[in-house]
């Protein structure tokens, strides 16, 4: 059985809740704010959604990446 599904807007809101709980990120624009959640080919058992990288890779935040990976393991994107 696969992971439970959520709409892109729901996944975005879940991500934003967790990101904005990080004190130094409250009020900061992130790729989640700018690009939201997008479908991607899941390959062999991978996640079927991603957050597009819109900012400079030099500003990459491992804590945000970890939040995205955690939610990708919990939920699939509802593509219906």
Protein backbone atom coordinates (compact mmCIF):
# COMPACT_ATOMS: atom_id res chain seq x y z
CA UNK A 1 0.00 0.00 0.00
CA UNK A 2 1.28 3.45 -0.93
CA UNK A 3 1.55 6.57 1.13
CA UNK A 4 -1.53 8.70 1.81
CA UNK A 5 -2.05 11.45 -0.76
CA UNK A 6 -2.49 15.18 -0.38
CA UNK A 7 -3.25 17.96 -2.86
CA UNK A 8 -0.35 20.24 -3.81
CA UNK A 9 -1.85 23.11 -1.80
CA UNK A 10 -2.10 20.89 1.28
CA UNK A 11 1.50 19.73 0.95
CA UNK A 12 2.62 23.34 0.54
CA UNK A 13 0.77 24.37 3.70
CA UNK A 14 2.26 21.47 5.67
CA UNK A 15 5.73 22.46 4.49
CA UNK A 16 5.17 26.12 5.34
CA UNK A 17 3.93 25.28 8.83
CA UNK A 18 7.08 23.32 9.56
CA UNK A 19 9.42 25.82 7.90
CA UNK A 20 7.91 28.83 9.64
CA UNK A 21 8.30 27.06 12.98
CA UNK A 22 12.07 27.51 12.56
CA UNK A 23 12.72 30.80 14.37
CA UNK A 24 15.17 32.36 11.91
CA UNK A 25 12.92 31.53 8.94
CA UNK A 26 9.73 33.18 10.18
CA UNK A 27 8.78 35.75 7.55
CA UNK A 28 11.51 34.69 5.09
CA UNK A 29 10.60 33.73 1.53
CA UNK A 30 11.72 30.23 0.60
CA UNK A 31 11.42 28.14 -2.55
CA UNK A 32 8.31 26.60 -1.00
CA UNK A 33 6.75 30.08 -0.82
CA UNK A 34 7.83 30.94 -4.35
CA UNK A 35 7.39 27.66 -6.22
CA UNK A 36 5.08 25.48 -4.20
CA UNK A 37 4.89 21.75 -4.83
CA UNK A 38 5.20 20.18 -8.28
CA UNK A 39 4.63 16.66 -9.58
CA UNK A 40 7.68 14.68 -10.69
CA UNK A 41 8.24 11.20 -12.02
CA UNK A 42 8.71 9.08 -8.91
CA UNK A 43 11.02 6.54 -10.46
CA UNK A 44 11.44 3.34 -8.47
CA UNK A 45 9.47 3.95 -5.26
CA UNK A 46 10.55 7.57 -4.87
CA UNK A 47 8.50 10.66 -4.13
CA UNK A 48 6.12 11.87 -6.83
CA UNK A 49 6.50 15.54 -5.92
CA UNK A 50 9.21 18.10 -5.38
CA UNK A 51 9.77 21.77 -4.62
CA UNK A 52 11.45 23.54 -7.55
CA UNK A 53 14.75 25.24 -6.76
CA UNK A 54 14.28 28.92 -7.50
CA UNK A 55 16.88 30.49 -5.22
CA UNK A 56 20.65 30.54 -5.39
CA UNK A 57 22.00 27.12 -4.45
CA UNK A 58 24.47 28.91 -2.18
CA UNK A 59 21.58 29.73 0.14
CA UNK A 60 20.57 26.05 0.41
CA UNK A 61 19.23 25.19 3.86
CA UNK A 62 19.67 21.58 5.01
CA UNK A 63 16.87 22.02 7.55
CA UNK A 64 14.39 22.92 4.81
CA UNK A 65 15.62 20.04 2.64
CA UNK A 66 15.12 17.69 5.59
CA UNK A 67 11.54 18.93 6.09
CA UNK A 68 10.79 18.34 2.40
CA UNK A 69 12.27 14.83 2.48
CA UNK A 70 10.31 13.96 5.63
CA UNK A 71 7.03 15.00 4.05
CA UNK A 72 7.93 13.19 0.81
CA UNK A 73 8.29 10.00 2.86
CA UNK A 74 4.91 10.62 4.52
CA UNK A 75 2.73 11.73 1.59
CA UNK A 76 2.36 11.39 -2.14
CA UNK A 77 0.95 14.14 -4.33
CA UNK A 78 -2.66 13.51 -5.31
CA UNK A 79 -2.57 13.76 -9.10
CA UNK A 80 -6.26 13.10 -9.73
